[in-house]
Amino acid sequence: MISDGAAALVVASADVARSAPQRVGFRSRAQANDVMALSRRDPLEFAGVRRAWGQAREQAGLTTLDLDLVETHDCFTIAELLQYEAFGLAERGQGHRVLEEGLVGPHGKLPVNRSGGLKAKGHPLGATGVSMHAIAAMQLTGTADDMQLPRAELAGVFK
């Protein structure tokens, strides 16, 4: 069932955050728009995702595989597969391969949605984006309980 939910983040300046016992910093962020009309774009290419992810990686000076985990908006199976392609993990039309190879599995080189993703949370529309950041922060602060990765220093969130 699609439901609403609640999640919260506390955003603070660097000088205030330094005194917080559990804090997570941002290296980069990016946003990009895409053309809405399907007649003017290829619906199987997430060009806006590719641009935003690329800009964020460039700002951070990282590759996607430098990350220890990703929380991504997996609203539909095809969306997640197309995101893998937009993230540069697979060639166009080959997003399924990163699953088959285990790259993005729970114990893969780049675990994606170790939390179980949106459906595991009931896809809470009001809390989806913030909850993805909260889950990434839990991984980075070592407070993710049963879903905790052995090593989590860098996370990517795509919403």
N, C-alpha and C. Protein backbone atom coordinates (compact mmCIF):
# COMPACT_ATOMS: atom_id res chain seq x y z
N MET A 1 0.83 -1.17 0.00
CA MET A 1 0.00 0.00 0.00
C MET A 1 0.89 1.25 0.00
N ILE A 2 0.55 2.20 -0.83
CA ILE A 2 1.25 3.48 -0.80
C ILE A 2 0.69 4.28 0.37
N SER A 3 1.57 4.74 1.19
CA SER A 3 1.12 5.48 2.38
C SER A 3 2.02 6.67 2.62
N ASP A 4 1.63 7.48 3.57
CA ASP A 4 2.46 8.60 3.95
C ASP A 4 3.29 8.16 5.15
N GLY A 5 4.22 8.97 5.53
CA GLY A 5 5.08 8.64 6.65
C GLY A 5 5.76 9.88 7.14
N ALA A 6 6.75 9.71 7.96
CA ALA A 6 7.46 10.85 8.51
C ALA A 6 8.94 10.55 8.56
N ALA A 7 9.73 11.55 8.29
CA ALA A 7 11.18 11.48 8.42
C ALA A 7 11.66 12.90 8.60
N ALA A 8 12.79 13.08 9.23
CA ALA A 8 13.29 14.43 9.47
C ALA A 8 14.81 14.46 9.38
N LEU A 9 15.30 15.58 8.96
CA LEU A 9 16.73 15.87 8.94
C LEU A 9 16.95 17.16 9.70
N VAL A 10 18.05 17.27 10.39
CA VAL A 10 18.44 18.52 11.02
C VAL A 10 19.60 19.06 10.21
N VAL A 11 19.43 20.22 9.63
CA VAL A 11 20.47 20.83 8.80
C VAL A 11 21.07 21.97 9.61
N ALA A 12 22.39 21.98 9.70
CA ALA A 12 23.07 22.99 10.50
C ALA A 12 24.31 23.48 9.79
N SER A 13 24.77 24.65 10.18
CA SER A 13 26.01 25.18 9.63
C SER A 13 27.17 24.30 10.11
N ALA A 14 28.28 24.38 9.42
CA ALA A 14 29.43 23.54 9.74
C ALA A 14 29.90 23.75 11.18
N ASP A 15 29.92 24.98 11.67
CA ASP A 15 30.40 25.23 13.02
C ASP A 15 29.46 24.63 14.07
N VAL A 16 28.16 24.63 13.83
CA VAL A 16 27.22 24.00 14.75
C VAL A 16 27.32 22.48 14.64
N ALA A 17 27.41 21.97 13.43
CA ALA A 17 27.45 20.52 13.21
C ALA A 17 28.68 19.88 13.86
N ARG A 18 29.78 20.62 13.93
CA ARG A 18 31.00 20.05 14.52
C ARG A 18 30.78 19.53 15.94
N SER A 19 29.84 20.11 16.66
CA SER A 19 29.60 19.67 18.04
C SER A 19 28.56 18.56 18.14
N ALA A 20 27.97 18.18 17.02
CA ALA A 20 26.95 17.12 17.04
C ALA A 20 27.63 15.76 17.18
N PRO A 21 27.10 14.89 18.03
CA PRO A 21 27.73 13.58 18.21
C PRO A 21 27.66 12.69 16.97
N GLN A 22 26.62 12.82 16.19
CA GLN A 22 26.50 12.06 14.94
C GLN A 22 26.16 13.05 13.84
N ARG A 23 27.11 13.26 12.96
CA ARG A 23 26.91 14.24 11.89
C ARG A 23 27.39 13.65 10.58
N VAL A 24 26.76 14.10 9.53
CA VAL A 24 27.11 13.68 8.18
C VAL A 24 27.20 14.94 7.35
N GLY A 25 28.27 15.08 6.60
CA GLY A 25 28.44 16.24 5.74
C GLY A 25 28.10 15.90 4.29
N PHE A 26 27.81 16.93 3.52
CA PHE A 26 27.54 16.78 2.10
C PHE A 26 28.76 17.26 1.31
N ARG A 27 29.19 16.46 0.36
CA ARG A 27 30.28 16.88 -0.53
C ARG A 27 29.76 17.60 -1.75
N SER A 28 28.56 17.24 -2.16
CA SER A 28 28.00 17.86 -3.36
C SER A 28 26.50 17.62 -3.41
N ARG A 29 25.88 18.34 -4.31
CA ARG A 29 24.48 18.13 -4.61
C ARG A 29 24.23 18.73 -5.98
N ALA A 30 23.25 18.18 -6.66
CA ALA A 30 22.92 18.70 -8.00
C ALA A 30 21.48 18.40 -8.31
N GLN A 31 20.93 19.18 -9.21
CA GLN A 31 19.56 19.01 -9.65
C GLN A 31 19.52 19.34 -11.13
N ALA A 32 18.78 18.56 -11.88
CA ALA A 32 18.63 18.84 -13.32
C ALA A 32 17.21 18.52 -13.73
N ASN A 33 16.71 19.28 -14.68
CA ASN A 33 15.38 19.04 -15.23
C ASN A 33 15.50 18.28 -16.54
N ASP A 34 14.42 17.64 -16.91
CA ASP A 34 14.34 16.97 -18.19
C ASP A 34 13.09 17.48 -18.89
N VAL A 35 12.99 17.27 -20.16
CA VAL A 35 11.81 17.65 -20.92
C VAL A 35 10.66 16.75 -20.51
N MET A 36 9.51 17.32 -20.22
CA MET A 36 8.37 16.53 -19.78
C MET A 36 7.71 15.76 -20.92
N ALA A 37 7.54 16.38 -22.05
CA ALA A 37 6.83 15.75 -23.17
C ALA A 37 7.61 14.56 -23.70
N LEU A 38 6.98 13.38 -23.68
CA LEU A 38 7.63 12.17 -24.18
C LEU A 38 7.92 12.26 -25.67
N SER A 39 7.17 13.08 -26.38
CA SER A 39 7.40 13.24 -27.82
C SER A 39 8.70 13.97 -28.10
N ARG A 40 9.28 14.59 -27.08
CA ARG A 40 10.52 15.36 -27.27
C ARG A 40 11.73 14.75 -26.57
N ARG A 41 11.56 13.53 -26.06
CA ARG A 41 12.70 12.88 -25.39
C ARG A 41 12.55 11.37 -25.48
N ASP A 42 13.64 10.70 -25.21
CA ASP A 42 13.65 9.24 -25.17
C ASP A 42 13.28 8.81 -23.75
N PRO A 43 12.12 8.18 -23.57
CA PRO A 43 11.71 7.81 -22.21
C PRO A 43 12.59 6.73 -21.57
N LEU A 44 13.42 6.08 -22.36
CA LEU A 44 14.31 5.06 -21.81
C LEU A 44 15.71 5.59 -21.51
N GLU A 45 15.87 6.90 -21.64
CA GLU A 45 17.13 7.52 -21.24
C GLU A 45 16.81 8.56 -20.19
N PHE A 46 17.32 8.37 -19.01
CA PHE A 46 17.12 9.34 -17.95
C PHE A 46 18.20 10.42 -18.07
N ALA A 47 18.04 11.30 -19.06
CA ALA A 47 19.05 12.33 -19.34
C ALA A 47 19.21 13.29 -18.16
N GLY A 48 18.11 13.67 -17.52
CA GLY A 48 18.20 14.55 -16.36
C GLY A 48 18.94 13.90 -15.22
N VAL A 49 18.68 12.63 -15.01
CA VAL A 49 19.39 11.87 -13.97
C VAL A 49 20.87 11.82 -14.29
N ARG A 50 21.20 11.52 -15.54
CA ARG A 50 22.61 11.44 -15.96
C ARG A 50 23.32 12.78 -15.70
N ARG A 51 22.66 13.89 -16.06
CA ARG A 51 23.26 15.21 -15.85
C ARG A 51 23.44 15.51 -14.36
N ALA A 52 22.40 15.32 -13.57
CA ALA A 52 22.47 15.63 -12.14
C ALA A 52 23.51 14.75 -11.43
N TRP A 53 23.48 13.45 -11.71
CA TRP A 53 24.43 12.53 -11.07
C TRP A 53 25.86 12.89 -11.47
N GLY A 54 26.05 13.18 -12.75
CA GLY A 54 27.37 13.56 -13.24
C GLY A 54 27.87 14.85 -12.60
N GLN A 55 27.01 15.84 -12.48
CA GLN A 55 27.39 17.10 -11.84
C GLN A 55 27.77 16.89 -10.38
N ALA A 56 26.98 16.09 -9.68
CA ALA A 56 27.28 15.83 -8.26
C ALA A 56 28.60 15.08 -8.11
N ARG A 57 28.82 14.09 -8.96
CA ARG A 57 30.09 13.35 -8.90
C ARG A 57 31.27 14.27 -9.18
N GLU A 58 31.11 15.13 -10.20
CA GLU A 58 32.18 16.04 -10.55
C GLU A 58 32.48 17.01 -9.40
N GLN A 59 31.46 17.56 -8.79
CA GLN A 59 31.65 18.46 -7.65
C GLN A 59 32.38 17.77 -6.50
N ALA A 60 32.04 16.50 -6.27
CA ALA A 60 32.64 15.74 -5.18
C ALA A 60 34.00 15.17 -5.54
N GLY A 61 34.33 15.14 -6.84
CA GLY A 61 35.59 14.56 -7.27
C GLY A 61 35.61 13.04 -7.12
N LEU A 62 34.46 12.41 -7.36
CA LEU A 62 34.32 10.96 -7.17
C LEU A 62 33.75 10.30 -8.41
N THR A 63 33.96 9.00 -8.50
CA THR A 63 33.22 8.18 -9.46
C THR A 63 32.11 7.49 -8.70
N THR A 64 31.16 6.94 -9.40
CA THR A 64 30.09 6.22 -8.73
C THR A 64 30.64 5.05 -7.91
N LEU A 65 31.64 4.37 -8.44
CA LEU A 65 32.20 3.22 -7.73
C LEU A 65 33.10 3.60 -6.56
N ASP A 66 33.35 4.90 -6.35
CA ASP A 66 34.04 5.35 -5.14
C ASP A 66 33.11 5.32 -3.93
N LEU A 67 31.81 5.28 -4.19
CA LEU A 67 30.82 5.28 -3.11
C LEU A 67 30.76 3.90 -2.45
N ASP A 68 30.36 3.89 -1.18
CA ASP A 68 30.19 2.64 -0.45
C ASP A 68 28.76 2.13 -0.51
N LEU A 69 27.82 3.01 -0.83
CA LEU A 69 26.42 2.63 -0.94
C LEU A 69 25.65 3.72 -1.67
N VAL A 70 24.49 3.33 -2.18
CA VAL A 70 23.57 4.27 -2.81
C VAL A 70 22.17 3.96 -2.33
N GLU A 71 21.43 5.00 -1.99
CA GLU A 71 19.98 4.90 -1.77
C GLU A 71 19.37 5.62 -2.96
N THR A 72 18.57 4.90 -3.73
CA THR A 72 18.00 5.48 -4.95
C THR A 72 16.50 5.29 -5.00
N HIS A 73 15.85 6.14 -5.74
CA HIS A 73 14.39 6.14 -5.86
C HIS A 73 13.96 5.01 -6.78
N ASP A 74 13.65 3.87 -6.20
CA ASP A 74 13.28 2.68 -6.96
C ASP A 74 11.76 2.52 -7.04
N CYS A 75 11.09 3.56 -7.50
CA CYS A 75 9.62 3.55 -7.55
C CYS A 75 9.09 2.44 -8.45
N PHE A 76 9.83 2.07 -9.47
CA PHE A 76 9.48 0.98 -10.37
C PHE A 76 10.78 0.25 -10.72
N THR A 77 10.69 -1.03 -10.99
CA THR A 77 11.89 -1.80 -11.34
C THR A 77 12.61 -1.17 -12.52
N ILE A 78 11.89 -0.79 -13.55
CA ILE A 78 12.53 -0.22 -14.74
C ILE A 78 13.24 1.09 -14.39
N ALA A 79 12.69 1.86 -13.47
CA ALA A 79 13.33 3.12 -13.08
C ALA A 79 14.70 2.85 -12.47
N GLU A 80 14.78 1.85 -11.62
CA GLU A 80 16.07 1.54 -11.00
C GLU A 80 17.08 1.07 -12.06
N LEU A 81 16.64 0.25 -12.99
CA LEU A 81 17.54 -0.23 -14.04
C LEU A 81 18.02 0.93 -14.91
N LEU A 82 17.13 1.85 -15.24
CA LEU A 82 17.52 3.02 -16.04
C LEU A 82 18.45 3.94 -15.26
N GLN A 83 18.26 4.00 -13.95
CA GLN A 83 19.16 4.79 -13.11
C GLN A 83 20.57 4.21 -13.12
N TYR A 84 20.68 2.88 -13.08
CA TYR A 84 22.02 2.27 -13.15
C TYR A 84 22.74 2.72 -14.41
N GLU A 85 22.01 2.79 -15.49
CA GLU A 85 22.59 3.25 -16.75
C GLU A 85 22.97 4.73 -16.65
N ALA A 86 22.09 5.54 -16.09
CA ALA A 86 22.37 6.97 -15.95
C ALA A 86 23.52 7.24 -14.99
N PHE A 87 23.70 6.38 -14.00
CA PHE A 87 24.81 6.52 -13.05
C PHE A 87 26.14 6.10 -13.66
N GLY A 88 26.09 5.51 -14.86
CA GLY A 88 27.31 5.06 -15.52
C GLY A 88 27.75 3.66 -15.13
N LEU A 89 26.87 2.91 -14.49
CA LEU A 89 27.22 1.54 -14.07
C LEU A 89 27.01 0.52 -15.18
N ALA A 90 26.22 0.90 -16.20
CA ALA A 90 25.93 -0.02 -17.30
C ALA A 90 25.68 0.79 -18.57
N GLU A 91 25.91 0.16 -19.69
CA GLU A 91 25.59 0.77 -20.98
C GLU A 91 24.07 0.81 -21.14
N ARG A 92 23.61 1.66 -22.04
CA ARG A 92 22.17 1.75 -22.30
C ARG A 92 21.60 0.38 -22.65
N GLY A 93 20.49 0.08 -22.03
CA GLY A 93 19.83 -1.20 -22.27
C GLY A 93 20.41 -2.36 -21.50
N GLN A 94 21.42 -2.09 -20.67
CA GLN A 94 22.11 -3.17 -19.96
C GLN A 94 22.04 -3.04 -18.44
N GLY A 95 21.12 -2.23 -17.93
CA GLY A 95 21.01 -2.02 -16.49
C GLY A 95 20.83 -3.30 -15.70
N HIS A 96 20.19 -4.29 -16.30
CA HIS A 96 19.96 -5.57 -15.63
C HIS A 96 21.27 -6.29 -15.30
N ARG A 97 22.30 -5.99 -16.05
CA ARG A 97 23.58 -6.71 -15.84
C ARG A 97 24.20 -6.44 -14.48
N VAL A 98 24.03 -5.21 -13.96
CA VAL A 98 24.64 -4.92 -12.65
C VAL A 98 23.96 -5.73 -11.55
N LEU A 99 22.69 -6.09 -11.77
CA LEU A 99 22.00 -6.99 -10.84
C LEU A 99 22.52 -8.41 -10.99
N GLU A 100 22.56 -8.87 -12.23
CA GLU A 100 23.01 -10.24 -12.50
C GLU A 100 24.43 -10.48 -12.02
N GLU A 101 25.29 -9.47 -12.15
CA GLU A 101 26.69 -9.60 -11.71
C GLU A 101 26.86 -9.42 -10.21
N GLY A 102 25.81 -8.97 -9.52
CA GLY A 102 25.87 -8.79 -8.08
C GLY A 102 26.49 -7.47 -7.64
N LEU A 103 26.81 -6.60 -8.58
CA LEU A 103 27.47 -5.33 -8.25
C LEU A 103 26.68 -4.52 -7.24
N VAL A 104 25.36 -4.45 -7.40
CA VAL A 104 24.52 -3.60 -6.56
C VAL A 104 23.74 -4.37 -5.51
N GLY A 105 24.06 -5.64 -5.34
CA GLY A 105 23.39 -6.47 -4.34
C GLY A 105 23.77 -6.05 -2.93
N PRO A 106 23.09 -6.60 -1.94
CA PRO A 106 23.35 -6.23 -0.54
C PRO A 106 24.80 -6.37 -0.10
N HIS A 107 25.53 -7.31 -0.73
CA HIS A 107 26.93 -7.52 -0.37
C HIS A 107 27.85 -7.24 -1.56
N GLY A 108 27.34 -6.54 -2.56
CA GLY A 108 28.12 -6.22 -3.75
C GLY A 108 29.09 -5.08 -3.51
N LYS A 109 29.85 -4.76 -4.54
CA LYS A 109 30.82 -3.66 -4.45
C LYS A 109 30.12 -2.33 -4.17
N LEU A 110 28.92 -2.15 -4.69
CA LEU A 110 28.15 -0.93 -4.48
C LEU A 110 26.71 -1.29 -4.10
N PRO A 111 26.47 -1.60 -2.83
CA PRO A 111 25.11 -1.95 -2.42
C PRO A 111 24.14 -0.79 -2.69
N VAL A 112 23.05 -1.12 -3.34
CA VAL A 112 22.01 -0.13 -3.64
C VAL A 112 20.75 -0.51 -2.87
N ASN A 113 20.21 0.45 -2.17
CA ASN A 113 18.99 0.27 -1.38
C ASN A 113 19.09 -0.91 -0.42
N ARG A 114 20.16 -0.90 0.32
CA ARG A 114 20.34 -1.93 1.36
C ARG A 114 19.15 -1.93 2.33
N SER A 115 18.47 -0.80 2.38
CA SER A 115 17.29 -0.66 3.24
C SER A 115 16.10 -1.46 2.73
N GLY A 116 16.17 -1.93 1.49
CA GLY A 116 15.04 -2.61 0.88
C GLY A 116 14.32 -1.73 -0.11
N GLY A 117 14.68 -0.45 -0.13
CA GLY A 117 14.09 0.47 -1.09
C GLY A 117 12.73 0.98 -0.64
N LEU A 118 12.09 1.68 -1.55
CA LEU A 118 10.83 2.35 -1.24
C LEU A 118 9.71 1.38 -0.88
N LYS A 119 9.60 0.29 -1.60
CA LYS A 119 8.49 -0.63 -1.33
C LYS A 119 8.62 -1.27 0.05
N ALA A 120 9.84 -1.49 0.51
CA ALA A 120 10.04 -2.06 1.84
C ALA A 120 9.56 -1.11 2.93
N LYS A 121 9.46 0.17 2.59
CA LYS A 121 8.97 1.18 3.55
C LYS A 121 7.51 1.53 3.28
N GLY A 122 6.87 0.88 2.33
CA GLY A 122 5.51 1.24 1.98
C GLY A 122 5.43 2.44 1.06
N HIS A 123 6.57 2.83 0.50
CA HIS A 123 6.67 4.00 -0.38
C HIS A 123 5.93 5.20 0.20
N PRO A 124 6.40 5.71 1.34
CA PRO A 124 5.74 6.84 1.97
C PRO A 124 5.99 8.12 1.17
N LEU A 125 5.00 8.53 0.39
CA LEU A 125 5.19 9.64 -0.54
C LEU A 125 5.70 10.90 0.14
N GLY A 126 5.18 11.22 1.30
CA GLY A 126 5.59 12.45 1.98
C GLY A 126 6.97 12.37 2.60
N ALA A 127 7.47 11.17 2.81
CA ALA A 127 8.74 11.01 3.53
C ALA A 127 9.83 10.35 2.70
N THR A 128 9.55 10.03 1.45
CA THR A 128 10.48 9.24 0.65
C THR A 128 11.88 9.84 0.57
N GLY A 129 12.02 11.05 0.07
CA GLY A 129 13.34 11.64 -0.15
C GLY A 129 14.13 11.83 1.13
N VAL A 130 13.48 12.37 2.15
CA VAL A 130 14.16 12.58 3.42
C VAL A 130 14.55 11.25 4.04
N SER A 131 13.66 10.25 3.95
CA SER A 131 13.99 8.95 4.55
C SER A 131 15.20 8.31 3.89
N MET A 132 15.37 8.53 2.59
CA MET A 132 16.54 7.99 1.90
C MET A 132 17.82 8.63 2.43
N HIS A 133 17.78 9.92 2.69
CA HIS A 133 18.94 10.60 3.29
C HIS A 133 19.17 10.11 4.72
N ALA A 134 18.09 9.91 5.46
CA ALA A 134 18.23 9.42 6.84
C ALA A 134 18.86 8.03 6.86
N ILE A 135 18.44 7.16 5.95
CA ILE A 135 19.00 5.81 5.90
C ILE A 135 20.47 5.85 5.52
N ALA A 136 20.84 6.70 4.56
CA ALA A 136 22.26 6.85 4.20
C ALA A 136 23.05 7.36 5.40
N ALA A 137 22.49 8.32 6.14
CA ALA A 137 23.17 8.85 7.32
C ALA A 137 23.34 7.77 8.39
N MET A 138 22.33 6.92 8.54
CA MET A 138 22.45 5.82 9.51
C MET A 138 23.61 4.90 9.13
N GLN A 139 23.76 4.60 7.84
CA GLN A 139 24.88 3.78 7.40
C GLN A 139 26.21 4.46 7.73
N LEU A 140 26.29 5.75 7.44
CA LEU A 140 27.54 6.48 7.63
C LEU A 140 27.91 6.68 9.09
N THR A 141 26.92 6.67 9.97
CA THR A 141 27.19 6.83 11.40
C THR A 141 27.20 5.50 12.16
N GLY A 142 27.05 4.40 11.42
CA GLY A 142 27.12 3.08 12.04
C GLY A 142 25.91 2.72 12.88
N THR A 143 24.76 3.31 12.58
CA THR A 143 23.56 3.07 13.38
C THR A 143 22.45 2.38 12.58
N ALA A 144 22.81 1.64 11.54
CA ALA A 144 21.81 1.02 10.66
C ALA A 144 21.41 -0.38 11.09
N ASP A 145 21.77 -0.78 12.29
CA ASP A 145 21.37 -2.07 12.86
C ASP A 145 21.60 -3.23 11.90
N ASP A 146 20.57 -4.02 11.61
CA ASP A 146 20.71 -5.23 10.80
C ASP A 146 21.12 -4.97 9.36
N MET A 147 20.87 -3.77 8.87
CA MET A 147 21.24 -3.49 7.48
C MET A 147 22.59 -2.78 7.38
N GLN A 148 23.31 -2.66 8.49
CA GLN A 148 24.59 -1.95 8.51
C GLN A 148 25.64 -2.65 7.65
N LEU A 149 26.29 -1.87 6.83
CA LEU A 149 27.41 -2.36 6.03
C LEU A 149 28.67 -2.38 6.88
N PRO A 150 29.61 -3.28 6.60
CA PRO A 150 30.86 -3.32 7.37
C PRO A 150 31.66 -2.02 7.23
N ARG A 151 31.58 -1.40 6.06
CA ARG A 151 32.32 -0.16 5.81
C ARG A 151 31.40 0.79 5.06
N ALA A 152 31.16 1.96 5.62
CA ALA A 152 30.33 2.95 4.96
C ALA A 152 30.85 4.34 5.27
N GLU A 153 31.59 4.89 4.34
CA GLU A 153 32.16 6.23 4.51
C GLU A 153 31.61 7.24 3.52
N LEU A 154 31.20 6.75 2.34
CA LEU A 154 30.67 7.64 1.32
C LEU A 154 29.36 7.06 0.77
N ALA A 155 28.32 7.88 0.75
CA ALA A 155 27.02 7.42 0.25
C ALA A 155 26.53 8.37 -0.82
N GLY A 156 25.76 7.83 -1.73
CA GLY A 156 25.07 8.63 -2.74
C GLY A 156 23.58 8.44 -2.56
N VAL A 157 22.84 9.51 -2.72
CA VAL A 157 21.38 9.45 -2.64
C VAL A 157 20.83 10.07 -3.91
N PHE A 158 19.95 9.34 -4.58
CA PHE A 158 19.27 9.89 -5.76
C PHE A 158 17.77 9.86 -5.51
N LYS A 159 17.21 11.03 -5.54
CA LYS A 159 15.75 11.17 -5.39
C LYS A 159 15.23 12.04 -6.50
